[in-house]
Each structure stands twice: as C-alpha cells, then as structure tokens.
N, C-alpha and C. Protein backbone atom coordinates (compact mmCIF):
# COMPACT_ATOMS: atom_id res chain seq x y z
N MET A 1 -23.24 6.58 -29.88
CA MET A 1 -23.07 5.59 -28.45
C MET A 1 -22.85 4.29 -28.97
N SER A 2 -21.56 4.08 -27.82
CA SER A 2 -21.17 2.72 -27.67
C SER A 2 -22.03 1.89 -26.99
N SER A 3 -21.88 0.64 -27.10
CA SER A 3 -22.92 -0.40 -26.25
C SER A 3 -22.39 -0.14 -24.77
N SER A 4 -21.27 0.11 -24.39
CA SER A 4 -20.93 0.10 -23.10
C SER A 4 -21.79 1.45 -22.46
N ASP A 5 -22.40 2.50 -23.09
CA ASP A 5 -23.10 3.35 -22.27
C ASP A 5 -24.47 2.75 -21.57
N SER A 6 -24.75 1.54 -22.33
CA SER A 6 -26.28 1.07 -21.46
C SER A 6 -25.79 0.28 -20.56
N LEU A 7 -24.30 -0.31 -20.37
CA LEU A 7 -24.25 -1.10 -19.23
C LEU A 7 -23.65 -0.58 -18.19
N THR A 8 -24.85 -1.13 -17.10
CA THR A 8 -24.78 -0.73 -15.64
C THR A 8 -24.15 -1.80 -14.95
N ALA A 9 -22.96 -1.14 -14.18
CA ALA A 9 -22.32 -2.26 -13.61
C ALA A 9 -22.80 -2.32 -12.06
N ASP A 10 -22.63 -3.48 -11.34
CA ASP A 10 -23.13 -3.78 -10.29
C ASP A 10 -21.78 -3.43 -9.05
N ALA A 11 -20.51 -3.23 -9.87
CA ALA A 11 -19.42 -2.82 -9.10
C ALA A 11 -18.26 -2.38 -9.75
N VAL A 12 -17.58 -1.30 -9.49
CA VAL A 12 -16.48 -0.88 -10.20
C VAL A 12 -15.27 -1.00 -9.19
N LEU A 13 -14.00 -1.73 -10.15
CA LEU A 13 -13.04 -1.71 -9.78
C LEU A 13 -11.90 -0.81 -10.13
N ASP A 14 -11.25 0.32 -9.57
CA ASP A 14 -10.37 1.03 -9.79
C ASP A 14 -9.19 0.68 -9.62
N ALA A 15 -8.34 0.53 -10.95
CA ALA A 15 -6.89 -0.14 -10.46
C ALA A 15 -5.94 0.65 -11.28
N THR A 16 -6.32 2.17 -11.22
CA THR A 16 -5.83 3.06 -12.08
C THR A 16 -4.21 3.21 -11.32
N GLY A 17 -3.50 3.39 -12.03
CA GLY A 17 -1.97 3.65 -11.10
C GLY A 17 -1.43 2.41 -10.85
N LEU A 18 -2.04 1.21 -10.94
CA LEU A 18 -1.27 0.10 -10.24
C LEU A 18 -0.71 -0.77 -11.82
N ASN A 19 0.42 -1.53 -11.41
CA ASN A 19 0.79 -2.10 -12.39
C ASN A 19 0.81 -3.68 -12.14
N CYS A 20 1.08 -4.46 -13.42
CA CYS A 20 0.93 -5.87 -13.05
C CYS A 20 1.60 -6.39 -12.10
N PRO A 21 1.43 -7.40 -11.25
CA PRO A 21 0.20 -8.21 -11.41
C PRO A 21 -1.00 -7.61 -10.15
N GLU A 22 -0.96 -6.21 -9.95
CA GLU A 22 -1.93 -5.90 -9.37
C GLU A 22 -3.24 -5.85 -9.72
N PRO A 23 -3.51 -5.39 -10.65
CA PRO A 23 -5.03 -5.30 -11.36
C PRO A 23 -5.70 -6.68 -11.41
N VAL A 24 -4.95 -7.35 -12.04
CA VAL A 24 -5.71 -9.18 -11.78
C VAL A 24 -5.87 -9.67 -10.47
N MET A 25 -4.96 -9.05 -9.56
CA MET A 25 -4.90 -9.79 -8.38
C MET A 25 -6.40 -9.04 -7.94
N LEU A 26 -6.25 -7.81 -7.24
CA LEU A 26 -7.78 -7.15 -7.05
C LEU A 26 -9.10 -7.75 -7.78
N LEU A 27 -8.56 -7.89 -9.18
CA LEU A 27 -9.87 -8.49 -10.15
C LEU A 27 -10.46 -9.55 -9.26
N HIS A 28 -9.46 -10.62 -9.41
CA HIS A 28 -9.37 -12.03 -8.80
C HIS A 28 -10.54 -11.71 -7.40
N ASN A 29 -10.01 -10.88 -6.09
CA ASN A 29 -10.88 -10.66 -5.47
C ASN A 29 -12.04 -10.38 -5.38
N LYS A 30 -12.23 -9.12 -6.37
CA LYS A 30 -13.67 -8.35 -6.66
C LYS A 30 -14.84 -9.24 -7.22
N VAL A 31 -14.21 -10.14 -8.13
CA VAL A 31 -15.11 -10.84 -8.60
C VAL A 31 -15.77 -12.02 -8.01
N ARG A 32 -14.73 -12.53 -6.80
CA ARG A 32 -15.20 -13.17 -5.88
C ARG A 32 -16.67 -12.94 -4.98
N ASP A 33 -16.22 -11.62 -4.83
CA ASP A 33 -17.18 -11.13 -3.84
C ASP A 33 -18.89 -10.56 -4.99
N LEU A 34 -18.76 -10.86 -5.97
CA LEU A 34 -19.55 -10.47 -7.16
C LEU A 34 -20.88 -11.53 -6.97
N ALA A 35 -21.98 -11.13 -7.25
CA ALA A 35 -23.09 -12.16 -7.39
C ALA A 35 -23.03 -12.83 -8.82
N ALA A 36 -23.56 -14.10 -8.94
CA ALA A 36 -23.19 -14.80 -10.18
C ALA A 36 -23.95 -13.91 -11.19
N GLY A 37 -23.58 -13.64 -12.10
CA GLY A 37 -24.02 -13.10 -13.40
C GLY A 37 -24.12 -11.36 -13.19
N GLY A 38 -23.26 -11.18 -12.04
CA GLY A 38 -23.14 -9.70 -11.86
C GLY A 38 -21.91 -8.97 -13.16
N LEU A 39 -22.30 -7.86 -13.16
CA LEU A 39 -21.43 -6.95 -14.12
C LEU A 39 -20.49 -5.97 -13.07
N LEU A 40 -19.08 -6.11 -13.45
CA LEU A 40 -17.99 -5.33 -12.96
C LEU A 40 -17.02 -4.52 -14.32
N LYS A 41 -17.07 -3.41 -13.64
CA LYS A 41 -16.44 -2.49 -14.79
C LYS A 41 -14.94 -2.33 -13.81
N VAL A 42 -13.56 -2.56 -14.71
CA VAL A 42 -12.55 -2.32 -14.10
C VAL A 42 -12.19 -1.12 -15.13
N ILE A 43 -11.22 -0.14 -14.46
CA ILE A 43 -10.58 0.77 -14.88
C ILE A 43 -9.13 0.70 -14.56
N ALA A 44 -8.40 0.92 -15.33
CA ALA A 44 -6.91 0.48 -15.30
C ALA A 44 -6.18 1.52 -16.22
N THR A 45 -5.18 1.57 -15.79
CA THR A 45 -3.67 2.13 -16.77
C THR A 45 -2.66 1.57 -17.27
N ASP A 46 -2.64 0.10 -16.64
CA ASP A 46 -1.76 -0.33 -17.19
C ASP A 46 -1.61 -1.23 -18.25
N PRO A 47 -1.03 -1.07 -19.51
CA PRO A 47 -0.92 -1.64 -20.76
C PRO A 47 -1.70 -3.02 -20.83
N SER A 48 -0.74 -3.96 -20.08
CA SER A 48 -0.68 -5.15 -19.85
C SER A 48 -1.76 -5.80 -19.44
N THR A 49 -2.69 -4.87 -19.03
CA THR A 49 -4.19 -5.28 -18.69
C THR A 49 -4.97 -5.75 -19.98
N ARG A 50 -4.49 -5.44 -21.05
CA ARG A 50 -4.86 -5.83 -22.27
C ARG A 50 -4.87 -7.29 -22.84
N ARG A 51 -3.92 -7.55 -21.88
CA ARG A 51 -3.49 -9.02 -22.29
C ARG A 51 -3.93 -10.03 -21.28
N ASP A 52 -3.74 -9.38 -19.79
CA ASP A 52 -4.01 -10.12 -18.83
C ASP A 52 -5.48 -10.28 -18.30
N ILE A 53 -6.47 -9.18 -18.58
CA ILE A 53 -7.77 -9.32 -18.25
C ILE A 53 -8.64 -10.01 -19.32
N PRO A 54 -8.20 -10.25 -20.58
CA PRO A 54 -9.13 -11.44 -21.64
C PRO A 54 -8.42 -12.90 -20.93
N LYS A 55 -7.03 -12.81 -20.66
CA LYS A 55 -6.87 -14.14 -20.35
C LYS A 55 -7.64 -14.74 -18.79
N PHE A 56 -7.70 -13.93 -17.93
CA PHE A 56 -8.48 -14.06 -16.92
C PHE A 56 -9.88 -14.58 -16.77
N CYS A 57 -10.36 -13.79 -17.97
CA CYS A 57 -11.81 -14.22 -17.97
C CYS A 57 -11.99 -15.26 -18.78
N MET A 58 -10.89 -15.70 -19.81
CA MET A 58 -11.06 -16.94 -20.52
C MET A 58 -10.92 -18.15 -19.30
N PHE A 59 -9.66 -18.07 -18.87
CA PHE A 59 -9.06 -19.20 -17.77
C PHE A 59 -10.43 -19.36 -16.76
N LEU A 60 -11.18 -18.34 -16.35
CA LEU A 60 -12.06 -18.50 -15.33
C LEU A 60 -13.39 -18.69 -15.53
N GLY A 61 -13.53 -18.51 -17.15
CA GLY A 61 -15.24 -18.59 -17.27
C GLY A 61 -15.84 -17.19 -17.49
N HIS A 62 -15.47 -16.57 -17.11
CA HIS A 62 -16.39 -15.23 -16.94
C HIS A 62 -16.44 -14.26 -18.54
N GLU A 63 -16.95 -13.44 -18.85
CA GLU A 63 -17.34 -13.07 -20.07
C GLU A 63 -16.89 -11.66 -20.21
N LEU A 64 -16.34 -11.18 -21.02
CA LEU A 64 -15.50 -9.98 -20.93
C LEU A 64 -16.06 -9.61 -22.21
N ILE A 65 -17.76 -8.45 -21.70
CA ILE A 65 -18.70 -8.05 -22.77
C ILE A 65 -17.95 -6.85 -23.33
N GLU A 66 -17.05 -6.08 -22.79
CA GLU A 66 -16.45 -4.65 -23.36
C GLU A 66 -15.09 -4.28 -23.07
N GLN A 67 -14.69 -3.82 -23.86
CA GLN A 67 -13.22 -3.43 -23.79
C GLN A 67 -12.79 -2.18 -24.57
N GLN A 68 -12.56 -1.01 -23.86
CA GLN A 68 -12.33 0.24 -24.35
C GLN A 68 -11.01 0.61 -24.06
N GLU A 69 -10.23 1.57 -24.92
CA GLU A 69 -9.27 2.21 -24.39
C GLU A 69 -9.32 3.68 -24.60
N GLN A 70 -9.13 4.53 -23.62
CA GLN A 70 -9.47 6.42 -23.72
C GLN A 70 -8.39 6.89 -23.00
N ALA A 71 -7.71 6.96 -24.05
CA ALA A 71 -6.73 8.33 -23.63
C ALA A 71 -5.54 7.81 -22.49
N GLY A 72 -5.22 6.30 -22.73
CA GLY A 72 -4.37 5.40 -22.00
C GLY A 72 -5.06 4.96 -21.09
N THR A 73 -6.55 5.00 -20.68
CA THR A 73 -7.07 4.20 -19.93
C THR A 73 -8.01 3.20 -19.83
N TYR A 74 -7.55 2.10 -19.60
CA TYR A 74 -8.18 1.18 -20.46
C TYR A 74 -9.72 0.62 -19.23
N LEU A 75 -10.79 0.46 -20.07
CA LEU A 75 -12.04 0.10 -19.45
C LEU A 75 -12.23 -1.42 -19.98
N TYR A 76 -12.96 -2.18 -18.95
CA TYR A 76 -13.48 -3.54 -19.29
C TYR A 76 -14.52 -3.60 -18.18
N TRP A 77 -15.62 -4.32 -19.06
CA TRP A 77 -16.97 -4.66 -18.20
C TRP A 77 -16.87 -6.59 -18.38
N ILE A 78 -16.85 -7.06 -17.09
CA ILE A 78 -16.75 -8.48 -16.92
C ILE A 78 -18.19 -8.99 -16.12
N ARG A 79 -18.76 -10.07 -17.07
CA ARG A 79 -19.81 -10.45 -16.34
C ARG A 79 -19.11 -11.74 -15.94
N LYS A 80 -19.83 -11.66 -14.16
CA LYS A 80 -19.17 -13.11 -13.37
C LYS A 80 -20.00 -14.24 -14.20
N LYS A 81 -19.35 -15.16 -14.57
CA LYS A 81 -20.03 -16.65 -14.70
C LYS A 81 -21.31 -16.84 -13.58
N ALA A 82 -22.42 -17.63 -14.18
CA ALA A 82 -23.10 -17.97 -13.25
C ALA A 82 -22.50 -19.42 -12.53
N ASP A 83 -23.05 -19.50 -11.55
CA ASP A 83 -22.55 -20.84 -10.67
C ASP A 83 -23.23 -22.04 -11.43
N ALA A 84 -22.58 -22.97 -11.40
CA ALA A 84 -22.74 -24.10 -12.19
C ALA A 84 -23.37 -25.06 -11.16
C-alpha cells in the first residue's frame, strides 16, 4: 500500500490527453481556486509533466506530496501553500 492510498484530494485535475503547456496552465488555474492547504490530485499523460509540475510547485511554493507513474499515466498530489 502506497502513501497515496490515504491521500484524499479536495479537487482533481484531469489533464489526460493534453500536452505541454496545457496541463500546467490548467494546474495554475485549478490551484488558484483551491483553499490554502487544499490537496489537488493531477492526472496527466504528458511525460513532460514529470519535469514541469515539480518546477511549478517549487517556483510557487506548493508542496508536491506524491508523484507516481502507472502505465503511461502520471499522478501528482499537490498541497497548496498556506497563505502567508
């Protein structure tokens, strides 16, 4: 059992079939609507998200809790930073 099994997302962003830069653009909008400290699950099929999503989180101060790959699908759990 992986740690992601116990993660309950407050919102899910399904970016399946979308290619760079669309998944990160959608992620940016989705995170903005999320409450501070909220957990977002991202589902993507674009391999470039493995680079782009961690960079996005680091740049904006969000926490990438978990990252998985399952048969060409990339899963991310992102905790929105608490408002300063």
